[in-house]
Amino acid sequence: MGISVGHRPAMRPLGFGTLLALAACGGGAGGDGDGGSGDGGDPLTGEELAALCDEFCAHGVKCAWTDDGPGCEASCASDAGIFNGDLWRDWLECDAAAACAAPDPKGCLLQAMAAAQPRAIHDEYVDRCETARVDCGIAPEGVLPDCGVDEVLPFSDGYVASQVLPCFDRSCDAMIACIEETVRDAF
């Protein structure tokens, strides 16, 4: 269930539509550095997530980015499950504080990414991706997504460990398809 966000991309069920909608503000990025409601790198959950989604969606209704507050809240909460909690929090807070006609559609995304610190799981992705490029004979500008940490920085540790890293255990063609699905198509 996605929400229509006017001049912003519509939210898609897997979340990156939500990220793109959230990326429309130009405000600052915060976060407490723990990655989410639990250990570092975890998605947001519980009351914190519900409150942030409520605030974001109420602002979205006010700004006419969506006309479906309850649908927005459900999508926001569902989409949060694959993302690092600090990044999700930063995007939600930033977008909820944004002017309704925000000038930079990527401001919040860029600020949250700049504020985020790579974690060990992200470094493991970079190492395994670079190894796969060599093992499969894929040129840097080839079909495999960029092996930079920014490719997976938004995702929770659990998502990277359970969905992305297992892609590297597949044959070259299957690995490329898996990375496209779990990294690129998640956006």
N, C-alpha and C. Protein backbone atom coordinates (compact mmCIF):
# COMPACT_ATOMS: atom_id res chain seq x y z
N MET A 1 0.84 -1.16 0.00
CA MET A 1 0.00 0.00 0.00
C MET A 1 0.90 1.23 0.00
N GLY A 2 0.94 2.00 -1.01
CA GLY A 2 1.73 3.22 -1.03
C GLY A 2 0.86 4.43 -0.82
N ILE A 3 1.47 5.53 -0.55
CA ILE A 3 0.71 6.76 -0.42
C ILE A 3 1.15 7.72 -1.50
N SER A 4 0.23 8.50 -1.97
CA SER A 4 0.55 9.50 -2.97
C SER A 4 1.10 10.72 -2.25
N VAL A 5 2.20 11.21 -2.73
CA VAL A 5 2.83 12.33 -2.05
C VAL A 5 2.97 13.55 -2.96
N GLY A 6 1.99 13.78 -3.81
CA GLY A 6 1.98 14.97 -4.65
C GLY A 6 3.22 15.07 -5.51
N HIS A 7 4.03 16.10 -5.26
CA HIS A 7 5.23 16.33 -6.05
C HIS A 7 6.35 15.37 -5.73
N ARG A 8 6.13 14.51 -4.78
CA ARG A 8 7.13 13.53 -4.38
C ARG A 8 6.74 12.17 -4.94
N PRO A 9 7.71 11.26 -5.07
CA PRO A 9 7.39 9.93 -5.57
C PRO A 9 6.40 9.22 -4.65
N ALA A 10 5.56 8.39 -5.21
CA ALA A 10 4.62 7.62 -4.40
C ALA A 10 5.38 6.56 -3.62
N MET A 11 4.91 6.26 -2.41
CA MET A 11 5.54 5.24 -1.60
C MET A 11 5.22 3.87 -2.17
N ARG A 12 6.22 3.00 -2.15
CA ARG A 12 6.05 1.64 -2.62
C ARG A 12 6.12 0.72 -1.43
N PRO A 13 5.55 -0.46 -1.51
CA PRO A 13 5.47 -1.35 -0.37
C PRO A 13 6.79 -1.71 0.28
N LEU A 14 7.89 -1.84 -0.47
CA LEU A 14 9.14 -2.26 0.14
C LEU A 14 9.89 -1.16 0.83
N GLY A 15 9.51 0.07 0.66
CA GLY A 15 10.13 1.08 1.48
C GLY A 15 10.88 2.18 0.81
N PHE A 16 11.52 1.96 -0.30
CA PHE A 16 12.30 3.05 -0.80
C PHE A 16 11.46 4.16 -1.34
N GLY A 17 10.22 3.86 -1.73
CA GLY A 17 9.30 4.95 -2.05
C GLY A 17 9.13 5.82 -0.82
N THR A 18 9.01 5.18 0.32
CA THR A 18 8.92 5.92 1.56
C THR A 18 10.19 6.73 1.79
N LEU A 19 11.34 6.11 1.56
CA LEU A 19 12.59 6.83 1.75
C LEU A 19 12.66 8.04 0.84
N LEU A 20 12.24 7.87 -0.40
CA LEU A 20 12.29 9.00 -1.32
C LEU A 20 11.32 10.09 -0.90
N ALA A 21 10.18 9.70 -0.40
CA ALA A 21 9.25 10.71 0.10
C ALA A 21 9.83 11.41 1.32
N LEU A 22 10.47 10.65 2.16
CA LEU A 22 11.08 11.23 3.35
C LEU A 22 12.28 12.10 3.02
N ALA A 23 12.91 11.85 1.90
CA ALA A 23 14.12 12.55 1.54
C ALA A 23 13.86 13.97 1.05
N ALA A 24 12.64 14.41 1.06
CA ALA A 24 12.31 15.69 0.45
C ALA A 24 12.60 16.90 1.33
N CYS A 25 12.99 16.72 2.55
CA CYS A 25 13.18 17.91 3.38
C CYS A 25 14.61 18.39 3.36
N GLY A 26 14.82 19.58 3.86
CA GLY A 26 16.15 20.16 3.93
C GLY A 26 16.60 20.34 5.36
N GLY A 27 15.94 19.75 6.34
CA GLY A 27 16.28 19.92 7.75
C GLY A 27 17.46 19.08 8.16
N GLY A 28 17.82 19.17 9.42
CA GLY A 28 18.99 18.48 9.94
C GLY A 28 18.70 17.04 10.28
N ALA A 29 19.75 16.28 10.44
CA ALA A 29 19.64 14.89 10.81
C ALA A 29 20.15 14.72 12.22
N GLY A 30 19.44 13.92 12.98
CA GLY A 30 19.83 13.72 14.37
C GLY A 30 20.12 12.28 14.62
N GLY A 31 19.44 11.72 15.62
CA GLY A 31 19.63 10.32 15.94
C GLY A 31 20.55 10.18 17.13
N ASP A 32 20.40 9.05 17.80
CA ASP A 32 21.17 8.84 19.02
C ASP A 32 22.33 7.91 18.82
N GLY A 33 22.55 7.46 17.58
CA GLY A 33 23.71 6.64 17.30
C GLY A 33 23.55 5.17 17.61
N ASP A 34 22.40 4.74 18.17
CA ASP A 34 22.28 3.33 18.50
C ASP A 34 21.69 2.51 17.38
N GLY A 35 21.24 3.14 16.29
CA GLY A 35 20.74 2.40 15.15
C GLY A 35 19.26 2.12 15.21
N GLY A 36 18.61 2.31 16.33
CA GLY A 36 17.18 2.05 16.40
C GLY A 36 16.75 1.89 17.82
N SER A 37 15.67 1.15 18.01
CA SER A 37 15.09 0.99 19.32
C SER A 37 15.89 0.03 20.19
N GLY A 38 16.68 -0.83 19.60
CA GLY A 38 17.46 -1.80 20.36
C GLY A 38 18.93 -1.59 20.12
N ASP A 39 19.63 -2.70 19.83
CA ASP A 39 21.05 -2.61 19.54
C ASP A 39 21.28 -1.83 18.25
N GLY A 40 22.48 -1.31 18.08
CA GLY A 40 22.81 -0.54 16.90
C GLY A 40 22.47 -1.27 15.61
N GLY A 41 21.94 -0.52 14.64
CA GLY A 41 21.61 -1.09 13.35
C GLY A 41 20.23 -1.69 13.26
N ASP A 42 19.49 -1.75 14.36
CA ASP A 42 18.15 -2.32 14.34
C ASP A 42 17.13 -1.33 13.78
N PRO A 43 16.03 -1.85 13.23
CA PRO A 43 14.94 -0.96 12.80
C PRO A 43 14.25 -0.35 14.02
N LEU A 44 13.57 0.75 13.80
CA LEU A 44 12.74 1.34 14.86
C LEU A 44 11.54 0.44 15.09
N THR A 45 11.06 0.41 16.31
CA THR A 45 9.88 -0.38 16.66
C THR A 45 9.08 0.33 17.73
N GLY A 46 7.94 -0.21 18.04
CA GLY A 46 7.15 0.19 19.18
C GLY A 46 6.64 1.61 19.17
N GLU A 47 6.57 2.17 20.36
CA GLU A 47 5.99 3.50 20.55
C GLU A 47 6.76 4.59 19.81
N GLU A 48 8.09 4.49 19.78
CA GLU A 48 8.89 5.49 19.08
C GLU A 48 8.53 5.51 17.60
N LEU A 49 8.47 4.34 16.99
CA LEU A 49 8.12 4.26 15.58
C LEU A 49 6.71 4.79 15.34
N ALA A 50 5.77 4.38 16.16
CA ALA A 50 4.38 4.82 15.99
C ALA A 50 4.27 6.34 16.09
N ALA A 51 4.96 6.93 17.06
CA ALA A 51 4.90 8.38 17.24
C ALA A 51 5.53 9.11 16.06
N LEU A 52 6.66 8.62 15.59
CA LEU A 52 7.33 9.27 14.46
C LEU A 52 6.50 9.15 13.18
N CYS A 53 5.93 7.98 12.94
CA CYS A 53 5.08 7.80 11.75
C CYS A 53 3.84 8.67 11.84
N ASP A 54 3.26 8.76 13.02
CA ASP A 54 2.08 9.61 13.21
C ASP A 54 2.41 11.07 12.89
N GLU A 55 3.53 11.55 13.41
CA GLU A 55 3.94 12.94 13.17
C GLU A 55 4.24 13.18 11.69
N PHE A 56 4.98 12.26 11.08
CA PHE A 56 5.30 12.37 9.66
C PHE A 56 4.04 12.39 8.80
N CYS A 57 3.13 11.47 9.07
CA CYS A 57 1.92 11.35 8.25
C CYS A 57 0.96 12.51 8.48
N ALA A 58 0.87 12.99 9.71
CA ALA A 58 0.02 14.17 9.97
C ALA A 58 0.54 15.37 9.16
N HIS A 59 1.85 15.51 9.12
CA HIS A 59 2.45 16.59 8.32
C HIS A 59 2.20 16.35 6.83
N GLY A 60 2.28 15.11 6.40
CA GLY A 60 2.01 14.76 5.01
C GLY A 60 0.59 15.09 4.60
N VAL A 61 -0.37 14.85 5.48
CA VAL A 61 -1.77 15.20 5.19
C VAL A 61 -1.90 16.71 5.11
N LYS A 62 -1.30 17.42 6.08
CA LYS A 62 -1.36 18.89 6.10
C LYS A 62 -0.77 19.48 4.82
N CYS A 63 0.30 18.89 4.34
CA CYS A 63 0.99 19.41 3.15
C CYS A 63 0.41 18.85 1.85
N ALA A 64 -0.61 18.01 1.94
CA ALA A 64 -1.24 17.37 0.79
C ALA A 64 -0.29 16.44 0.05
N TRP A 65 0.68 15.85 0.76
CA TRP A 65 1.55 14.83 0.18
C TRP A 65 0.79 13.51 0.15
N THR A 66 -0.19 13.37 1.04
CA THR A 66 -1.05 12.21 1.11
C THR A 66 -2.42 12.65 1.61
N ASP A 67 -3.45 11.92 1.24
CA ASP A 67 -4.77 12.20 1.79
C ASP A 67 -5.24 11.02 2.64
N ASP A 68 -4.33 10.11 2.93
CA ASP A 68 -4.66 8.88 3.66
C ASP A 68 -3.75 8.73 4.88
N GLY A 69 -4.07 9.44 5.96
CA GLY A 69 -3.26 9.35 7.17
C GLY A 69 -3.08 7.94 7.69
N PRO A 70 -4.17 7.17 7.89
CA PRO A 70 -4.01 5.80 8.39
C PRO A 70 -3.21 4.91 7.43
N GLY A 71 -3.42 5.05 6.15
CA GLY A 71 -2.65 4.27 5.17
C GLY A 71 -1.19 4.65 5.21
N CYS A 72 -0.92 5.94 5.36
CA CYS A 72 0.46 6.43 5.46
C CYS A 72 1.13 5.84 6.70
N GLU A 73 0.43 5.86 7.82
CA GLU A 73 1.01 5.34 9.07
C GLU A 73 1.31 3.86 8.95
N ALA A 74 0.41 3.10 8.33
CA ALA A 74 0.64 1.66 8.16
C ALA A 74 1.85 1.42 7.25
N SER A 75 1.93 2.17 6.16
CA SER A 75 3.05 2.02 5.23
C SER A 75 4.36 2.41 5.91
N CYS A 76 4.35 3.51 6.64
CA CYS A 76 5.54 4.00 7.34
C CYS A 76 6.06 2.94 8.31
N ALA A 77 5.16 2.37 9.10
CA ALA A 77 5.55 1.38 10.10
C ALA A 77 6.04 0.10 9.43
N SER A 78 5.37 -0.31 8.36
CA SER A 78 5.77 -1.52 7.64
C SER A 78 7.12 -1.33 6.96
N ASP A 79 7.31 -0.21 6.30
CA ASP A 79 8.54 0.07 5.58
C ASP A 79 9.74 0.17 6.52
N ALA A 80 9.53 0.59 7.74
CA ALA A 80 10.62 0.79 8.69
C ALA A 80 11.40 -0.49 8.98
N GLY A 81 10.79 -1.63 8.76
CA GLY A 81 11.38 -2.91 9.15
C GLY A 81 12.72 -3.26 8.52
N ILE A 82 13.03 -2.71 7.34
CA ILE A 82 14.30 -3.09 6.72
C ILE A 82 15.38 -2.02 6.89
N PHE A 83 15.04 -0.90 7.51
CA PHE A 83 15.98 0.21 7.57
C PHE A 83 16.59 0.41 8.95
N ASN A 84 17.84 0.90 8.93
CA ASN A 84 18.54 1.27 10.15
C ASN A 84 17.70 2.32 10.88
N GLY A 85 17.46 2.09 12.14
CA GLY A 85 16.58 2.96 12.91
C GLY A 85 17.02 4.40 12.99
N ASP A 86 18.32 4.65 13.13
CA ASP A 86 18.78 6.03 13.20
C ASP A 86 18.47 6.77 11.90
N LEU A 87 18.73 6.13 10.77
CA LEU A 87 18.43 6.77 9.49
C LEU A 87 16.94 6.99 9.33
N TRP A 88 16.14 6.00 9.67
CA TRP A 88 14.69 6.14 9.55
C TRP A 88 14.18 7.28 10.42
N ARG A 89 14.69 7.32 11.65
CA ARG A 89 14.30 8.39 12.58
C ARG A 89 14.68 9.76 12.00
N ASP A 90 15.90 9.86 11.50
CA ASP A 90 16.36 11.14 10.94
C ASP A 90 15.49 11.58 9.77
N TRP A 91 15.16 10.64 8.86
CA TRP A 91 14.31 10.99 7.73
C TRP A 91 12.92 11.43 8.19
N LEU A 92 12.33 10.66 9.09
CA LEU A 92 10.98 11.00 9.56
C LEU A 92 10.96 12.36 10.25
N GLU A 93 11.91 12.59 11.14
CA GLU A 93 11.94 13.87 11.85
C GLU A 93 12.18 15.02 10.89
N CYS A 94 13.07 14.84 9.96
CA CYS A 94 13.39 15.88 9.00
C CYS A 94 12.19 16.20 8.12
N ASP A 95 11.56 15.17 7.58
CA ASP A 95 10.43 15.41 6.69
C ASP A 95 9.24 15.99 7.45
N ALA A 96 9.04 15.56 8.68
CA ALA A 96 7.93 16.09 9.48
C ALA A 96 8.12 17.57 9.79
N ALA A 97 9.36 18.03 9.74
CA ALA A 97 9.65 19.45 10.01
C ALA A 97 9.81 20.26 8.73
N ALA A 98 9.71 19.62 7.58
CA ALA A 98 9.97 20.28 6.30
C ALA A 98 8.84 21.23 5.92
N ALA A 99 9.22 22.25 5.19
CA ALA A 99 8.21 23.12 4.59
C ALA A 99 7.42 22.27 3.59
N CYS A 100 6.16 22.60 3.41
CA CYS A 100 5.33 21.81 2.51
C CYS A 100 5.83 21.85 1.07
N ALA A 101 6.49 22.90 0.70
CA ALA A 101 7.07 23.00 -0.65
C ALA A 101 8.59 22.98 -0.52
N ALA A 102 9.10 21.90 0.02
CA ALA A 102 10.55 21.79 0.26
C ALA A 102 11.32 21.97 -1.04
N PRO A 103 12.40 22.78 -1.03
CA PRO A 103 13.13 23.07 -2.24
C PRO A 103 14.03 21.93 -2.74
N ASP A 104 14.50 21.07 -1.86
CA ASP A 104 15.44 20.03 -2.25
C ASP A 104 14.82 18.66 -2.00
N PRO A 105 14.42 17.93 -3.05
CA PRO A 105 13.75 16.65 -2.84
C PRO A 105 14.65 15.56 -2.26
N LYS A 106 15.95 15.80 -2.14
CA LYS A 106 16.84 14.79 -1.58
C LYS A 106 17.53 15.27 -0.32
N GLY A 107 17.13 16.42 0.21
CA GLY A 107 17.83 17.00 1.35
C GLY A 107 17.93 16.10 2.56
N CYS A 108 16.81 15.52 2.99
CA CYS A 108 16.83 14.67 4.18
C CYS A 108 17.64 13.41 3.95
N LEU A 109 17.48 12.82 2.80
CA LEU A 109 18.24 11.61 2.49
C LEU A 109 19.73 11.89 2.57
N LEU A 110 20.17 12.94 1.92
CA LEU A 110 21.60 13.26 1.89
C LEU A 110 22.12 13.59 3.29
N GLN A 111 21.35 14.32 4.07
CA GLN A 111 21.79 14.67 5.43
C GLN A 111 21.83 13.46 6.34
N ALA A 112 20.84 12.60 6.24
CA ALA A 112 20.83 11.41 7.08
C ALA A 112 21.98 10.47 6.70
N MET A 113 22.24 10.35 5.41
CA MET A 113 23.35 9.51 4.96
C MET A 113 24.69 10.09 5.42
N ALA A 114 24.83 11.40 5.36
CA ALA A 114 26.08 12.04 5.78
C ALA A 114 26.32 11.87 7.28
N ALA A 115 25.24 11.83 8.04
CA ALA A 115 25.36 11.71 9.50
C ALA A 115 25.58 10.26 9.94
N ALA A 116 25.24 9.32 9.09
CA ALA A 116 25.33 7.90 9.46
C ALA A 116 26.77 7.41 9.45
N GLN A 117 27.04 6.49 10.33
CA GLN A 117 28.36 5.86 10.40
C GLN A 117 28.24 4.41 9.91
N PRO A 118 29.11 4.00 8.99
CA PRO A 118 29.07 2.61 8.55
C PRO A 118 29.33 1.67 9.73
N ARG A 119 28.69 0.53 9.66
CA ARG A 119 28.84 -0.49 10.70
C ARG A 119 29.60 -1.67 10.09
N ALA A 120 29.99 -2.61 10.90
CA ALA A 120 30.77 -3.76 10.44
C ALA A 120 30.06 -4.51 9.31
N ILE A 121 28.75 -4.62 9.39
CA ILE A 121 27.98 -5.34 8.37
C ILE A 121 28.09 -4.65 7.02
N HIS A 122 28.18 -3.32 7.02
CA HIS A 122 28.32 -2.56 5.78
C HIS A 122 29.70 -2.79 5.17
N ASP A 123 30.71 -2.83 6.02
CA ASP A 123 32.06 -3.11 5.54
C ASP A 123 32.15 -4.52 4.95
N GLU A 124 31.43 -5.46 5.56
CA GLU A 124 31.41 -6.82 5.04
C GLU A 124 30.79 -6.84 3.64
N TYR A 125 29.72 -6.07 3.44
CA TYR A 125 29.11 -5.97 2.11
C TYR A 125 30.14 -5.47 1.10
N VAL A 126 30.86 -4.41 1.44
CA VAL A 126 31.85 -3.84 0.52
C VAL A 126 32.89 -4.89 0.16
N ASP A 127 33.43 -5.58 1.15
CA ASP A 127 34.45 -6.60 0.91
C ASP A 127 33.92 -7.73 0.03
N ARG A 128 32.74 -8.23 0.35
CA ARG A 128 32.18 -9.35 -0.42
C ARG A 128 31.82 -8.92 -1.83
N CYS A 129 31.33 -7.69 -1.98
CA CYS A 129 30.98 -7.17 -3.30
C CYS A 129 32.22 -7.03 -4.18
N GLU A 130 33.28 -6.46 -3.62
CA GLU A 130 34.52 -6.30 -4.38
C GLU A 130 35.10 -7.67 -4.77
N THR A 131 35.05 -8.63 -3.87
CA THR A 131 35.52 -9.98 -4.17
C THR A 131 34.68 -10.59 -5.29
N ALA A 132 33.37 -10.41 -5.23
CA ALA A 132 32.48 -10.94 -6.27
C ALA A 132 32.77 -10.31 -7.62
N ARG A 133 33.06 -9.02 -7.64
CA ARG A 133 33.41 -8.35 -8.90
C ARG A 133 34.60 -9.04 -9.56
N VAL A 134 35.62 -9.32 -8.77
CA VAL A 134 36.83 -9.97 -9.29
C VAL A 134 36.51 -11.41 -9.70
N ASP A 135 35.88 -12.15 -8.80
CA ASP A 135 35.58 -13.57 -9.07
C ASP A 135 34.69 -13.76 -10.29
N CYS A 136 33.78 -12.84 -10.52
CA CYS A 136 32.83 -12.96 -11.64
C CYS A 136 33.28 -12.18 -12.86
N GLY A 137 34.43 -11.48 -12.77
CA GLY A 137 34.93 -10.72 -13.91
C GLY A 137 34.03 -9.56 -14.31
N ILE A 138 33.48 -8.88 -13.32
CA ILE A 138 32.56 -7.78 -13.58
C ILE A 138 33.32 -6.46 -13.48
N ALA A 139 33.26 -5.67 -14.54
CA ALA A 139 33.91 -4.36 -14.53
C ALA A 139 33.22 -3.44 -13.52
N PRO A 140 33.96 -2.48 -12.94
CA PRO A 140 33.36 -1.56 -11.96
C PRO A 140 32.11 -0.87 -12.47
N GLU A 141 32.04 -0.60 -13.77
CA GLU A 141 30.84 0.04 -14.31
C GLU A 141 29.85 -1.00 -14.83
N GLY A 142 30.05 -2.26 -14.47
CA GLY A 142 29.20 -3.35 -14.95
C GLY A 142 27.85 -3.41 -14.27
N VAL A 143 27.22 -4.56 -14.39
CA VAL A 143 25.84 -4.73 -13.95
C VAL A 143 25.68 -4.83 -12.44
N LEU A 144 26.73 -5.14 -11.72
CA LEU A 144 26.65 -5.20 -10.26
C LEU A 144 26.59 -3.79 -9.71
N PRO A 145 25.69 -3.53 -8.76
CA PRO A 145 25.63 -2.18 -8.20
C PRO A 145 26.98 -1.77 -7.60
N ASP A 146 27.14 -0.50 -7.42
CA ASP A 146 28.34 0.04 -6.80
C ASP A 146 28.62 -0.72 -5.51
N CYS A 147 29.87 -1.02 -5.26
CA CYS A 147 30.24 -1.75 -4.05
C CYS A 147 30.49 -0.81 -2.87
N GLY A 148 30.15 0.43 -2.99
CA GLY A 148 30.36 1.38 -1.91
C GLY A 148 29.41 1.14 -0.75
N VAL A 149 29.83 1.59 0.42
CA VAL A 149 29.05 1.42 1.63
C VAL A 149 27.69 2.11 1.54
N ASP A 150 27.59 3.18 0.75
CA ASP A 150 26.32 3.89 0.63
C ASP A 150 25.21 3.02 0.05
N GLU A 151 25.57 1.97 -0.67
CA GLU A 151 24.56 1.07 -1.24
C GLU A 151 23.72 0.41 -0.16
N VAL A 152 24.33 0.12 0.99
CA VAL A 152 23.62 -0.63 2.04
C VAL A 152 23.51 0.13 3.35
N LEU A 153 24.07 1.31 3.43
CA LEU A 153 24.04 2.09 4.68
C LEU A 153 22.64 2.29 5.24
N PRO A 154 21.62 2.50 4.41
CA PRO A 154 20.28 2.72 4.98
C PRO A 154 19.65 1.49 5.63
N PHE A 155 20.14 0.30 5.31
CA PHE A 155 19.48 -0.91 5.76
C PHE A 155 19.90 -1.33 7.16
N SER A 156 18.99 -2.02 7.85
CA SER A 156 19.28 -2.56 9.17
C SER A 156 20.31 -3.68 9.05
N ASP A 157 21.01 -3.91 10.13
CA ASP A 157 21.99 -5.00 10.15
C ASP A 157 21.33 -6.33 9.82
N GLY A 158 20.16 -6.56 10.39
CA GLY A 158 19.45 -7.81 10.16
C GLY A 158 19.09 -8.01 8.70
N TYR A 159 18.65 -6.94 8.04
CA TYR A 159 18.29 -7.04 6.63
C TYR A 159 19.52 -7.36 5.78
N VAL A 160 20.61 -6.66 6.04
CA VAL A 160 21.83 -6.91 5.27
C VAL A 160 22.30 -8.35 5.49
N ALA A 161 22.29 -8.80 6.75
CA ALA A 161 22.76 -10.14 7.07
C ALA A 161 21.87 -11.23 6.48
N SER A 162 20.55 -11.04 6.52
CA SER A 162 19.64 -12.11 6.11
C SER A 162 19.23 -12.05 4.64
N GLN A 163 19.28 -10.88 4.02
CA GLN A 163 18.80 -10.74 2.66
C GLN A 163 19.88 -10.39 1.64
N VAL A 164 20.82 -9.52 2.01
CA VAL A 164 21.80 -9.03 1.04
C VAL A 164 23.04 -9.92 0.99
N LEU A 165 23.68 -10.15 2.11
CA LEU A 165 24.93 -10.93 2.10
C LEU A 165 24.77 -12.34 1.54
N PRO A 166 23.65 -13.04 1.76
CA PRO A 166 23.51 -14.37 1.16
C PRO A 166 23.53 -14.35 -0.38
N CYS A 167 23.30 -13.21 -0.98
CA CYS A 167 23.38 -13.11 -2.44
C CYS A 167 24.77 -13.51 -2.94
N PHE A 168 25.80 -13.20 -2.16
CA PHE A 168 27.17 -13.47 -2.59
C PHE A 168 27.53 -14.96 -2.55
N ASP A 169 26.64 -15.78 -2.02
CA ASP A 169 26.86 -17.23 -2.00
C ASP A 169 26.29 -17.91 -3.24
N ARG A 170 25.74 -17.14 -4.15
CA ARG A 170 25.11 -17.68 -5.36
C ARG A 170 26.05 -17.60 -6.55
N SER A 171 25.66 -18.25 -7.64
CA SER A 171 26.42 -18.14 -8.89
C SER A 171 26.41 -16.68 -9.33
N CYS A 172 27.31 -16.32 -10.23
CA CYS A 172 27.46 -14.92 -10.62
C CYS A 172 26.16 -14.31 -11.12
N ASP A 173 25.47 -14.97 -12.05
CA ASP A 173 24.22 -14.42 -12.59
C ASP A 173 23.15 -14.31 -11.50
N ALA A 174 23.03 -15.35 -10.69
CA ALA A 174 22.03 -15.33 -9.61
C ALA A 174 22.39 -14.28 -8.56
N MET A 175 23.67 -14.10 -8.31
CA MET A 175 24.10 -13.09 -7.34
C MET A 175 23.71 -11.70 -7.81
N ILE A 176 23.95 -11.41 -9.08
CA ILE A 176 23.63 -10.09 -9.62
C ILE A 176 22.13 -9.83 -9.50
N ALA A 177 21.32 -10.81 -9.86
CA ALA A 177 19.86 -10.66 -9.74
C ALA A 177 19.45 -10.45 -8.29
N CYS A 178 20.05 -11.17 -7.40
CA CYS A 178 19.73 -11.05 -5.97
C CYS A 178 20.10 -9.68 -5.42
N ILE A 179 21.28 -9.18 -5.78
CA ILE A 179 21.70 -7.85 -5.32
C ILE A 179 20.76 -6.78 -5.89
N GLU A 180 20.40 -6.94 -7.16
CA GLU A 180 19.45 -5.98 -7.76
C GLU A 180 18.15 -5.97 -6.97
N GLU A 181 17.66 -7.15 -6.62
CA GLU A 181 16.38 -7.25 -5.91
C GLU A 181 16.47 -6.73 -4.48
N THR A 182 17.51 -7.12 -3.76
CA THR A 182 17.56 -6.78 -2.33
C THR A 182 18.13 -5.39 -2.04
N VAL A 183 18.92 -4.85 -2.96
CA VAL A 183 19.52 -3.53 -2.73
C VAL A 183 18.84 -2.48 -3.60
N ARG A 184 18.95 -2.64 -4.89
CA ARG A 184 18.41 -1.62 -5.80
C ARG A 184 16.89 -1.55 -5.79
N ASP A 185 16.22 -2.70 -5.90
CA ASP A 185 14.76 -2.69 -5.98
C ASP A 185 14.10 -2.38 -4.65
N ALA A 186 14.84 -2.49 -3.56
CA ALA A 186 14.27 -2.14 -2.26
C ALA A 186 13.99 -0.64 -2.20
N PHE A 187 14.73 0.13 -3.01
CA PHE A 187 14.50 1.56 -3.07
C PHE A 187 13.37 1.82 -4.03
